[in-house]
Amino acid sequence: MKWKFINKKTIIIIMAIAMIAIIIVRLNTHGITKIGYNGKEERQNWSGTYILLNGTIQHTLYPEELQNILQIDTETEDGTISIEIKDEGGAVLFYQENIGTNRFEVPIFGKVTAQIMASNHKGNFNISCQVYAYSNTTQQEAGHIFLYGEQHGIKEILEKELQLWENYYSEYGMRDLFVELPYYTAEFLNIWMQSDNDDIFNELYNDWEKTAIHTPEIKEFYQQIKERFPETIFHGTDVGHQYATTGERYVTYLNENGQNNTEKYWLAKEAIDQGKYYYAHSDEVYRENTMTRNFMREYKKINGVDIMGIYGSAHTGIHALDYATNTVPSMANQLSRYYKSSVISEDLTQLAQREEPVNIEKIQIENKEYEALYFGKSDLSAIFPDYQCREYWRLENAYNDFKDCPTTGDMLPYNNYPMTVEEGQIFVIDYTKADGSVIRKYYRSDGNVWQGSPATEEFEIKHSTP
């Protein structure tokens, strides 16, 4: 009964004090000078200046433009600060632990949530939405980005890529070649290009064991580049694969050569952290977004000159979404939103397609036996760490038996197959996982188009064949 005599103003004061108490408990802060928003742009900016910050805080940022860069600046005098950026759907766009004094630029599309995790951090941070400056340049000021999508380790594709690079290198004076490798791996390749032996490259090649790029054809490809195009400069933009071998060896190299406080050192450490996060979480969305950010960082360093890039076709579709989840734009898709028509992409995977099968076998489904043309296998480890490979069979004269089976919505584009695909065909595909177990799936070519490309669709066998 006594509460009814408390006036509205008193209740508001009590609630305000309670909210402040909650914030203080959550942050466990000490000596904050300022933590909040910047003036009238509070929806686009967030900053903190303090004597000591301990705990976790977060804020949602709303960019004015669809296509933006999130600029992250940190200054560390003591303690640690980690930052995580997520998009509206909860996908991780950026994650960095134990940041010192640094600046990061993260491509974003729409609103994002920034989370600060501090442990006795002394310093400050600033996070702000910036309209990407490149989109305001004229076409005449912009270089061209020629992207080529490949299936890794295929001789015919590698030969075509060498022809393309020879033309760009000799006829157009290009020197910058972007590749689907980590930053530190590309830097080792650049050192090797200037050396008089193959010691560095042989170590890299050994690190690639059990991956799609540990093949004689890949080895020959890089050796041809060194021999024929010696001024090539590699730019690695992938997350930190082989971080415990190649990554740590490169950091040791920098330490031994007095470069432990250079941009190369911090970019190598960042790539290692990216690899650790990616493999700990198997997060393909994080990888796609990080590859885009790393690409833009490297491209910015060379002031927008013409370049050629070689990546798996999963990352080079101009209108495609990420290969694993189909929830975020692919790397090439994101790049084309920033660099507009400067991005030109071509899919080379058709060069790997066979006309003749490797073997002719028999596969029984329910009570009927089919002639099955076997077209070999493709490595999946570079795309999905949880898988080893994928094997392909085409069933002859089987379409009518399965054309009415219900589909699952799982689409597999024609360019994923090692052979030519035509409408009205049935395929059996075995997925071998990292633990050796095998998952068998069935696909049908009904003439569907997915993300601008013709695609087969998985179906379920739920009736008896004739």
Protein backbone atom coordinates (compact mmCIF):
# COMPACT_ATOMS: atom_id res chain seq x y z
CA MET A 1 0.00 0.00 0.00
CA LYS A 2 2.87 2.37 0.70
CA TRP A 3 4.10 2.19 -2.88
CA LYS A 4 1.10 4.12 -4.17
CA PHE A 5 2.39 7.26 -2.43
CA ILE A 6 5.69 7.22 -4.31
CA ASN A 7 5.44 9.77 -7.06
CA LYS A 8 6.40 9.16 -10.69
CA LYS A 9 9.61 11.18 -10.46
CA THR A 10 10.87 9.06 -7.55
CA ILE A 11 10.16 5.85 -9.46
CA ILE A 12 12.11 7.14 -12.46
CA ILE A 13 15.07 8.04 -10.22
CA ILE A 14 15.00 4.59 -8.62
CA MET A 15 14.90 2.90 -12.04
CA ALA A 16 17.78 5.05 -13.31
CA ILE A 17 19.90 4.17 -10.27
CA ALA A 18 19.11 0.49 -10.78
CA MET A 19 20.15 0.66 -14.46
CA ILE A 20 23.40 2.39 -13.57
CA ALA A 21 24.08 -0.28 -10.95
CA ILE A 22 23.49 -3.04 -13.52
CA ILE A 23 25.86 -1.39 -16.00
CA ILE A 24 28.54 -0.95 -13.36
CA VAL A 25 28.25 -4.59 -12.30
CA ARG A 26 28.41 -5.81 -15.89
CA LEU A 27 31.35 -3.64 -16.93
CA ASN A 28 33.27 -3.70 -13.68
CA THR A 29 34.89 -0.51 -14.93
CA HIS A 30 37.30 1.74 -13.12
CA GLY A 31 37.97 5.38 -13.85
CA ILE A 32 35.98 5.75 -17.06
CA THR A 33 36.52 9.11 -18.71
CA LYS A 34 34.03 8.54 -21.52
CA ILE A 35 32.30 5.60 -23.11
CA GLY A 36 29.43 6.15 -25.50
CA TYR A 37 28.56 7.66 -28.85
CA ASN A 38 30.05 10.45 -30.90
CA GLY A 39 27.76 13.45 -31.03
CA LYS A 40 24.83 13.32 -33.42
CA GLU A 41 26.13 10.24 -35.26
CA GLU A 42 25.37 7.94 -32.37
CA ARG A 43 23.94 5.27 -34.68
CA GLN A 44 27.12 5.09 -36.75
CA ASN A 45 29.84 5.50 -34.12
CA TRP A 46 30.88 4.12 -30.75
CA SER A 47 33.92 5.02 -28.69
CA GLY A 48 35.44 4.55 -25.28
CA THR A 49 38.17 6.36 -23.40
CA TYR A 50 39.01 5.10 -19.93
CA ILE A 51 41.64 4.47 -17.31
CA LEU A 52 40.60 0.84 -16.89
CA LEU A 53 37.92 -1.31 -18.52
CA ASN A 54 37.04 -4.83 -17.43
CA GLY A 55 34.06 -6.81 -18.69
CA THR A 56 31.85 -7.06 -21.78
CA ILE A 57 29.79 -4.37 -23.52
CA GLN A 58 28.06 -4.21 -26.88
CA HIS A 59 26.35 -1.75 -29.17
CA THR A 60 24.45 -1.97 -32.46
CA LEU A 61 25.63 0.28 -35.30
CA TYR A 62 23.39 1.41 -38.13
CA PRO A 63 25.27 2.65 -41.24
CA GLU A 64 23.63 5.31 -43.37
CA GLU A 65 24.76 3.60 -46.58
CA LEU A 66 24.22 -0.05 -47.51
CA GLN A 67 27.82 -0.53 -48.59
CA ASN A 68 30.19 0.48 -45.84
CA ILE A 69 33.44 -0.15 -44.08
CA LEU A 70 33.43 -0.53 -40.31
CA GLN A 71 36.62 1.15 -39.11
CA ILE A 72 37.94 -0.20 -35.82
CA ASP A 73 40.69 1.67 -33.95
CA THR A 74 42.17 0.51 -30.68
CA GLU A 75 44.90 1.89 -28.43
CA THR A 76 46.31 -0.34 -25.71
CA GLU A 77 48.60 0.77 -22.91
CA ASP A 78 47.94 -2.20 -20.66
CA GLY A 79 45.63 -5.19 -20.30
CA THR A 80 43.79 -6.82 -23.22
CA ILE A 81 40.86 -5.98 -25.46
CA SER A 82 39.06 -8.29 -27.91
CA ILE A 83 36.40 -7.29 -30.44
CA GLU A 84 33.71 -9.30 -32.22
CA ILE A 85 31.46 -7.94 -35.00
CA LYS A 86 28.30 -9.80 -36.04
CA ASP A 87 25.83 -9.04 -38.80
CA GLU A 88 22.06 -8.87 -38.40
CA GLY A 89 21.76 -12.64 -38.76
CA GLY A 90 24.38 -13.35 -36.13
CA ALA A 91 27.19 -14.31 -38.53
CA VAL A 92 30.67 -13.35 -37.35
CA LEU A 93 32.18 -10.73 -39.67
CA PHE A 94 35.24 -10.01 -37.54
CA TYR A 95 36.85 -11.45 -34.45
CA GLN A 96 40.21 -10.48 -33.00
CA GLU A 97 41.65 -11.37 -29.61
CA ASN A 98 44.17 -9.41 -27.55
CA ILE A 99 44.34 -6.39 -29.84
CA GLY A 100 47.11 -3.95 -29.21
CA THR A 101 47.20 -0.56 -30.92
CA ASN A 102 45.80 -1.23 -34.36
CA ARG A 103 43.30 -0.35 -37.08
CA PHE A 104 41.02 -2.75 -38.92
CA GLU A 105 38.58 -2.19 -41.79
CA VAL A 106 35.64 -4.59 -42.04
CA PRO A 107 33.22 -4.66 -45.01
CA ILE A 108 29.61 -4.52 -43.79
CA PHE A 109 26.15 -4.59 -45.37
CA GLY A 110 23.50 -3.17 -43.05
CA LYS A 111 23.47 -2.96 -39.28
CA VAL A 112 25.98 -4.83 -37.14
CA THR A 113 26.54 -5.54 -33.45
CA ALA A 114 29.95 -4.77 -31.94
CA GLN A 115 31.00 -6.50 -28.75
CA ILE A 116 33.95 -5.34 -26.65
CA MET A 117 35.55 -7.84 -24.27
CA ALA A 118 38.12 -6.16 -22.00
CA SER A 119 40.38 -7.45 -19.27
CA ASN A 120 41.86 -4.61 -17.22
CA HIS A 121 42.30 -2.68 -20.45
CA LYS A 122 43.91 0.71 -20.29
CA GLY A 123 43.50 2.77 -23.45
CA ASN A 124 40.58 3.46 -25.79
CA PHE A 125 38.62 2.21 -28.77
CA ASN A 126 36.64 3.76 -31.60
CA ILE A 127 34.30 1.96 -33.99
CA SER A 128 32.68 3.91 -36.82
CA CYS A 129 30.81 3.30 -40.07
CA GLN A 130 32.61 4.76 -43.07
CA VAL A 131 31.34 4.93 -46.64
CA TYR A 132 33.92 3.04 -48.66
CA ALA A 133 35.97 5.64 -50.49
CA TYR A 134 36.64 3.49 -53.57
CA SER A 135 32.98 3.50 -54.54
CA ASN A 136 33.26 7.27 -55.01
CA THR A 137 36.16 7.09 -57.47
CA THR A 138 35.64 7.28 -61.21
CA GLN A 139 36.00 4.25 -63.43
CA GLN A 140 39.12 5.85 -64.95
CA GLU A 141 40.79 5.90 -61.53
CA ALA A 142 39.87 2.30 -60.78
CA GLY A 143 41.99 -0.68 -61.78
CA HIS A 144 40.57 -3.97 -62.95
CA ILE A 145 40.25 -7.06 -60.80
CA PHE A 146 40.31 -10.18 -62.98
CA LEU A 147 39.16 -13.16 -60.90
CA TYR A 148 39.38 -16.75 -62.13
CA GLY A 149 37.48 -19.55 -60.42
CA GLU A 150 39.20 -22.93 -60.40
CA GLN A 151 38.95 -26.45 -59.14
CA HIS A 152 42.19 -26.86 -57.23
CA GLY A 153 45.06 -28.93 -58.62
CA ILE A 154 43.63 -29.66 -62.09
CA LYS A 155 46.30 -29.68 -64.81
CA GLU A 156 44.13 -28.21 -67.58
CA ILE A 157 43.01 -25.33 -65.38
CA LEU A 158 46.54 -24.57 -64.15
CA GLU A 159 47.81 -24.48 -67.73
CA LYS A 160 45.07 -21.99 -68.64
CA GLU A 161 45.92 -19.82 -65.62
CA LEU A 162 49.58 -19.74 -66.67
CA GLN A 163 48.50 -18.60 -70.14
CA LEU A 164 46.35 -15.87 -68.65
CA TRP A 165 49.10 -14.66 -66.32
CA GLU A 166 51.64 -14.69 -69.16
CA ASN A 167 49.36 -12.40 -71.15
CA TYR A 168 48.69 -10.00 -68.25
CA TYR A 169 52.34 -10.03 -67.18
CA SER A 170 53.94 -9.59 -70.62
CA GLU A 171 51.35 -7.59 -72.54
CA TYR A 172 49.80 -5.45 -69.81
CA GLY A 173 52.60 -5.17 -67.27
CA MET A 174 50.73 -6.74 -64.35
CA ARG A 175 52.84 -7.89 -61.42
CA ASP A 176 50.34 -8.49 -58.57
CA LEU A 177 48.83 -11.97 -58.37
CA PHE A 178 46.22 -12.58 -55.65
CA VAL A 179 45.92 -16.19 -54.48
CA GLU A 180 43.81 -18.31 -52.12
CA LEU A 181 46.61 -18.64 -49.58
CA PRO A 182 47.24 -17.06 -46.17
CA TYR A 183 49.17 -13.79 -45.93
CA TYR A 184 52.31 -15.43 -44.55
CA THR A 185 52.37 -18.15 -47.23
CA ALA A 186 52.33 -15.54 -50.00
CA GLU A 187 55.09 -13.61 -48.23
CA PHE A 188 57.23 -16.75 -48.12
CA LEU A 189 56.57 -17.23 -51.84
CA ASN A 190 57.76 -13.68 -52.50
CA ILE A 191 61.00 -14.37 -50.60
CA TRP A 192 61.42 -17.62 -52.53
CA MET A 193 60.96 -15.78 -55.84
CA GLN A 194 64.14 -13.82 -55.09
CA SER A 195 66.16 -16.79 -53.81
CA ASP A 196 68.57 -18.98 -55.76
CA ASN A 197 67.15 -22.28 -54.48
CA ASP A 198 63.84 -24.01 -53.71
CA ASP A 199 64.30 -24.60 -49.99
CA ILE A 200 61.50 -22.23 -48.95
CA PHE A 201 59.06 -23.57 -51.51
CA ASN A 202 59.79 -27.19 -50.63
CA GLU A 203 58.93 -26.44 -47.00
CA LEU A 204 55.66 -24.81 -48.07
CA TYR A 205 54.82 -27.74 -50.30
CA ASN A 206 55.40 -30.16 -47.44
CA ASP A 207 53.08 -28.05 -45.27
CA TRP A 208 50.34 -28.52 -47.90
CA GLU A 209 50.30 -32.29 -47.50
CA LYS A 210 46.76 -33.74 -47.37
CA THR A 211 45.28 -30.63 -49.00
CA ALA A 212 44.00 -30.03 -52.52
CA ILE A 213 47.13 -28.06 -53.46
CA HIS A 214 49.63 -30.79 -52.59
CA THR A 215 49.93 -32.11 -56.15
CA PRO A 216 52.78 -32.26 -58.71
CA GLU A 217 50.72 -29.99 -60.97
CA ILE A 218 50.55 -27.26 -58.32
CA LYS A 219 54.30 -27.57 -57.69
CA GLU A 220 55.02 -27.20 -61.38
CA PHE A 221 52.65 -24.21 -61.59
CA TYR A 222 54.58 -22.18 -59.01
CA GLN A 223 57.94 -23.23 -60.39
CA GLN A 224 56.85 -22.04 -63.84
CA ILE A 225 55.87 -18.66 -62.41
CA LYS A 226 59.28 -18.25 -60.76
CA GLU A 227 61.10 -19.24 -63.94
CA ARG A 228 59.05 -17.31 -66.49
CA PHE A 229 57.59 -14.39 -64.52
CA PRO A 230 60.21 -13.55 -61.87
CA GLU A 231 58.77 -10.13 -60.94
CA THR A 232 55.45 -11.62 -59.81
CA ILE A 233 54.29 -10.42 -56.38
CA PHE A 234 51.95 -12.77 -54.54
CA HIS A 235 49.17 -11.50 -52.27
CA GLY A 236 47.64 -14.07 -49.91
CA THR A 237 44.14 -13.25 -48.70
CA ASP A 238 42.80 -16.46 -47.15
CA VAL A 239 42.51 -17.22 -43.44
CA GLY A 240 45.48 -18.82 -41.70
CA HIS A 241 45.69 -22.35 -43.06
CA GLN A 242 48.79 -24.19 -41.80
CA TYR A 243 49.09 -21.61 -39.02
CA ALA A 244 51.01 -23.99 -36.74
CA THR A 245 53.63 -24.75 -39.42
CA THR A 246 53.93 -22.09 -42.14
CA GLY A 247 52.52 -19.33 -39.94
CA GLU A 248 54.75 -19.90 -36.94
CA ARG A 249 57.79 -20.42 -39.17
CA TYR A 250 57.20 -17.05 -40.85
CA VAL A 251 56.84 -15.30 -37.49
CA THR A 252 60.12 -16.91 -36.41
CA TYR A 253 61.73 -15.70 -39.64
CA LEU A 254 60.61 -12.12 -38.93
CA ASN A 255 61.87 -12.31 -35.35
CA GLU A 256 65.25 -13.58 -36.46
CA ASN A 257 65.54 -10.77 -39.00
CA GLY A 258 64.60 -7.95 -36.63
CA GLN A 259 61.11 -7.41 -38.08
CA ASN A 260 59.07 -8.25 -34.99
CA ASN A 261 57.43 -4.82 -34.80
CA THR A 262 56.51 -4.33 -38.45
CA GLU A 263 53.31 -4.44 -40.48
CA LYS A 264 54.37 -7.82 -41.87
CA TYR A 265 54.63 -9.21 -38.34
CA TRP A 266 51.20 -8.01 -37.22
CA LEU A 267 49.52 -9.13 -40.44
CA ALA A 268 51.07 -12.57 -40.02
CA LYS A 269 49.85 -12.76 -36.43
CA GLU A 270 46.40 -11.63 -37.54
CA ALA A 271 46.28 -14.36 -40.22
CA ILE A 272 47.29 -16.95 -37.61
CA ASP A 273 44.46 -15.79 -35.35
CA GLN A 274 42.05 -15.99 -38.29
CA GLY A 275 43.10 -19.58 -38.92
CA LYS A 276 42.71 -20.54 -35.28
CA TYR A 277 39.20 -19.08 -35.15
CA TYR A 278 38.16 -20.67 -38.44
CA TYR A 279 39.29 -24.17 -37.53
CA ALA A 280 37.97 -23.94 -33.97
CA HIS A 281 34.49 -23.00 -35.20
CA SER A 282 34.38 -24.46 -38.76
CA ASP A 283 32.78 -21.13 -39.67
CA GLU A 284 32.58 -20.80 -43.47
CA VAL A 285 30.70 -17.48 -43.26
CA TYR A 286 33.54 -16.06 -41.18
CA ARG A 287 36.04 -17.30 -43.76
CA GLU A 288 34.15 -15.76 -46.71
CA ASN A 289 33.87 -12.39 -44.99
CA THR A 290 37.48 -12.49 -43.79
CA MET A 291 38.78 -13.36 -47.25
CA THR A 292 36.94 -10.32 -48.59
CA ARG A 293 38.39 -8.04 -45.91
CA ASN A 294 41.92 -9.37 -46.46
CA PHE A 295 41.55 -8.93 -50.22
CA MET A 296 40.45 -5.32 -49.85
CA ARG A 297 43.32 -4.60 -47.48
CA GLU A 298 45.89 -5.97 -49.93
CA TYR A 299 44.29 -4.22 -52.89
CA LYS A 300 44.28 -0.92 -51.07
CA LYS A 301 48.03 -1.27 -50.43
CA ILE A 302 48.79 -1.32 -54.17
CA ASN A 303 46.60 1.70 -54.94
CA GLY A 304 44.08 0.05 -57.21
CA VAL A 305 46.30 -1.22 -60.06
CA ASP A 306 45.14 -4.00 -62.38
CA ILE A 307 45.47 -7.42 -60.78
CA MET A 308 44.66 -11.07 -61.43
CA GLY A 309 43.25 -13.38 -58.75
CA ILE A 310 43.05 -17.19 -58.61
CA TYR A 311 40.51 -18.69 -56.20
CA GLY A 312 38.27 -21.70 -55.89
CA SER A 313 35.10 -21.20 -57.90
CA ALA A 314 33.14 -21.26 -54.63
CA HIS A 315 34.44 -17.73 -53.98
CA THR A 316 34.35 -16.15 -57.46
CA GLY A 317 30.67 -16.02 -58.42
CA ILE A 318 29.72 -12.38 -58.95
CA HIS A 319 26.09 -13.07 -58.01
CA ALA A 320 26.68 -16.05 -55.73
CA LEU A 321 26.26 -16.54 -52.00
CA ASP A 322 28.79 -18.36 -49.84
CA TYR A 323 29.14 -22.00 -50.79
CA ALA A 324 28.51 -23.55 -47.36
CA THR A 325 25.45 -21.77 -45.95
CA ASN A 326 24.09 -19.63 -48.80
CA THR A 327 23.52 -16.78 -46.35
CA VAL A 328 26.14 -14.13 -47.19
CA PRO A 329 27.50 -12.84 -50.51
CA SER A 330 30.53 -14.69 -51.86
CA MET A 331 33.90 -12.94 -51.86
CA ALA A 332 33.53 -11.88 -55.51
CA ASN A 333 29.96 -10.76 -54.87
CA GLN A 334 31.07 -8.54 -51.98
CA LEU A 335 34.00 -7.17 -53.97
CA SER A 336 31.75 -6.29 -56.90
CA ARG A 337 29.52 -4.24 -54.58
CA TYR A 338 32.51 -2.07 -53.67
CA TYR A 339 34.55 -2.03 -56.87
CA LYS A 340 31.50 -2.15 -59.18
CA SER A 341 32.27 -3.11 -62.79
CA SER A 342 36.00 -3.21 -62.09
CA VAL A 343 35.50 -6.81 -60.92
CA ILE A 344 35.48 -9.29 -63.80
CA SER A 345 35.09 -12.98 -62.99
CA GLU A 346 35.39 -16.11 -65.13
CA ASP A 347 34.77 -19.71 -64.14
CA LEU A 348 37.46 -22.09 -65.44
CA THR A 349 36.11 -25.25 -63.85
CA GLN A 350 34.60 -26.47 -67.11
CA LEU A 351 38.16 -27.17 -68.26
CA ALA A 352 38.31 -29.99 -65.71
CA GLN A 353 35.26 -31.80 -67.04
CA ARG A 354 35.83 -35.23 -68.59
CA GLU A 355 33.91 -36.64 -71.50
CA GLU A 356 34.85 -40.26 -70.85
CA PRO A 357 34.37 -42.09 -67.53
CA VAL A 358 37.25 -43.47 -65.50
CA ASN A 359 35.40 -46.76 -65.05
CA ILE A 360 32.04 -48.43 -65.67
CA GLU A 361 30.45 -50.04 -62.61
CA LYS A 362 27.10 -51.30 -61.33
CA ILE A 363 25.03 -49.64 -58.56
CA GLN A 364 21.90 -51.19 -57.11
CA ILE A 365 19.14 -48.93 -55.77
CA GLU A 366 16.32 -50.72 -54.04
CA ASN A 367 15.61 -53.70 -56.34
CA LYS A 368 17.12 -52.44 -59.59
CA GLU A 369 20.69 -52.48 -60.85
CA TYR A 370 21.97 -49.54 -62.93
CA GLU A 371 25.00 -49.08 -65.12
CA ALA A 372 27.05 -46.40 -63.34
CA LEU A 373 29.75 -44.40 -65.09
CA TYR A 374 32.44 -43.42 -62.56
CA PHE A 375 34.11 -40.04 -63.19
CA GLY A 376 36.57 -39.89 -60.31
CA LYS A 377 36.84 -37.76 -57.20
CA SER A 378 37.51 -34.14 -56.19
CA ASP A 379 39.15 -32.84 -53.02
CA LEU A 380 36.90 -31.02 -50.55
CA SER A 381 39.38 -30.36 -47.75
CA ALA A 382 40.24 -26.85 -48.99
CA ILE A 383 36.57 -25.86 -48.81
CA PHE A 384 35.21 -27.99 -45.96
CA PRO A 385 37.72 -29.10 -43.30
CA ASP A 386 35.25 -31.76 -42.10
CA TYR A 387 35.36 -33.55 -45.49
CA GLN A 388 38.05 -35.27 -47.54
CA CYS A 389 36.62 -35.75 -51.01
CA ARG A 390 33.59 -36.28 -53.23
CA GLU A 391 33.20 -39.14 -55.78
CA TYR A 392 30.83 -39.09 -58.77
CA TRP A 393 28.77 -41.64 -60.70
CA ARG A 394 26.22 -41.03 -63.45
CA LEU A 395 23.44 -43.58 -63.70
CA GLU A 396 22.52 -44.49 -67.26
CA ASN A 397 18.85 -44.50 -68.33
CA ALA A 398 17.67 -43.76 -64.80
CA TYR A 399 15.91 -40.38 -64.96
CA ASN A 400 12.36 -41.67 -65.45
CA ASP A 401 12.73 -43.94 -62.42
CA PHE A 402 13.52 -41.02 -60.09
CA LYS A 403 11.98 -37.92 -61.71
CA ASP A 404 9.08 -37.89 -59.25
CA CYS A 405 11.13 -38.41 -56.07
CA PRO A 406 10.86 -35.50 -53.61
CA THR A 407 13.75 -33.03 -53.61
CA THR A 408 15.53 -31.64 -50.54
CA GLY A 409 16.48 -28.16 -51.79
CA ASP A 410 20.21 -28.97 -51.69
CA MET A 411 21.56 -27.61 -54.99
CA LEU A 412 24.85 -28.63 -56.61
CA PRO A 413 25.87 -26.51 -59.64
CA TYR A 414 27.04 -28.24 -62.81
CA ASN A 415 30.53 -26.76 -62.39
CA ASN A 416 31.04 -28.94 -59.31
CA TYR A 417 31.00 -32.08 -61.47
CA PRO A 418 34.12 -33.46 -63.17
CA MET A 419 32.09 -34.29 -66.29
CA THR A 420 29.57 -32.62 -68.56
CA VAL A 421 26.07 -32.46 -67.06
CA GLU A 422 22.91 -32.41 -69.16
CA GLU A 423 19.27 -32.07 -68.23
CA GLY A 424 17.50 -35.35 -67.50
CA GLN A 425 20.33 -37.20 -65.73
CA ILE A 426 20.77 -38.94 -62.36
CA PHE A 427 23.94 -38.78 -60.26
CA VAL A 428 25.21 -40.68 -57.23
CA ILE A 429 27.75 -38.82 -55.11
CA ASP A 430 29.70 -40.17 -52.14
CA TYR A 431 31.00 -37.64 -49.60
CA THR A 432 33.94 -38.95 -47.55
CA LYS A 433 34.28 -37.14 -44.22
CA ALA A 434 37.49 -36.39 -42.37
CA ASP A 435 36.89 -39.38 -40.06
CA GLY A 436 36.60 -41.74 -43.04
CA SER A 437 32.83 -42.19 -42.92
CA VAL A 438 30.90 -41.94 -46.20
CA ILE A 439 27.59 -40.21 -46.94
CA ARG A 440 25.83 -41.15 -50.18
CA LYS A 441 23.55 -38.63 -51.89
CA TYR A 442 21.46 -38.64 -55.06
CA TYR A 443 21.09 -35.67 -57.44
CA ARG A 444 18.87 -34.99 -60.43
CA SER A 445 19.30 -32.49 -63.28
CA ASP A 446 15.86 -31.03 -63.90
CA GLY A 447 17.01 -27.86 -65.65
CA ASN A 448 17.12 -25.76 -62.47
CA VAL A 449 19.15 -22.57 -62.13
CA TRP A 450 20.72 -21.63 -58.77
CA GLN A 451 22.47 -18.30 -58.17
CA GLY A 452 22.67 -17.73 -61.92
CA SER A 453 24.18 -21.15 -62.73
CA PRO A 454 22.58 -24.41 -63.91
CA ALA A 455 22.40 -26.84 -61.00
CA THR A 456 21.34 -30.33 -59.99
CA GLU A 457 19.17 -30.90 -56.92
CA GLU A 458 19.35 -33.62 -54.30
CA PHE A 459 16.38 -35.98 -54.10
CA GLU A 460 15.24 -38.64 -51.66
CA ILE A 461 14.44 -42.18 -52.70
CA LYS A 462 10.99 -42.71 -51.23
CA HIS A 463 9.33 -45.14 -53.62
CA SER A 464 10.15 -48.48 -55.16
CA THR A 465 11.63 -48.36 -58.62
CA PRO A 466 9.84 -50.34 -61.33
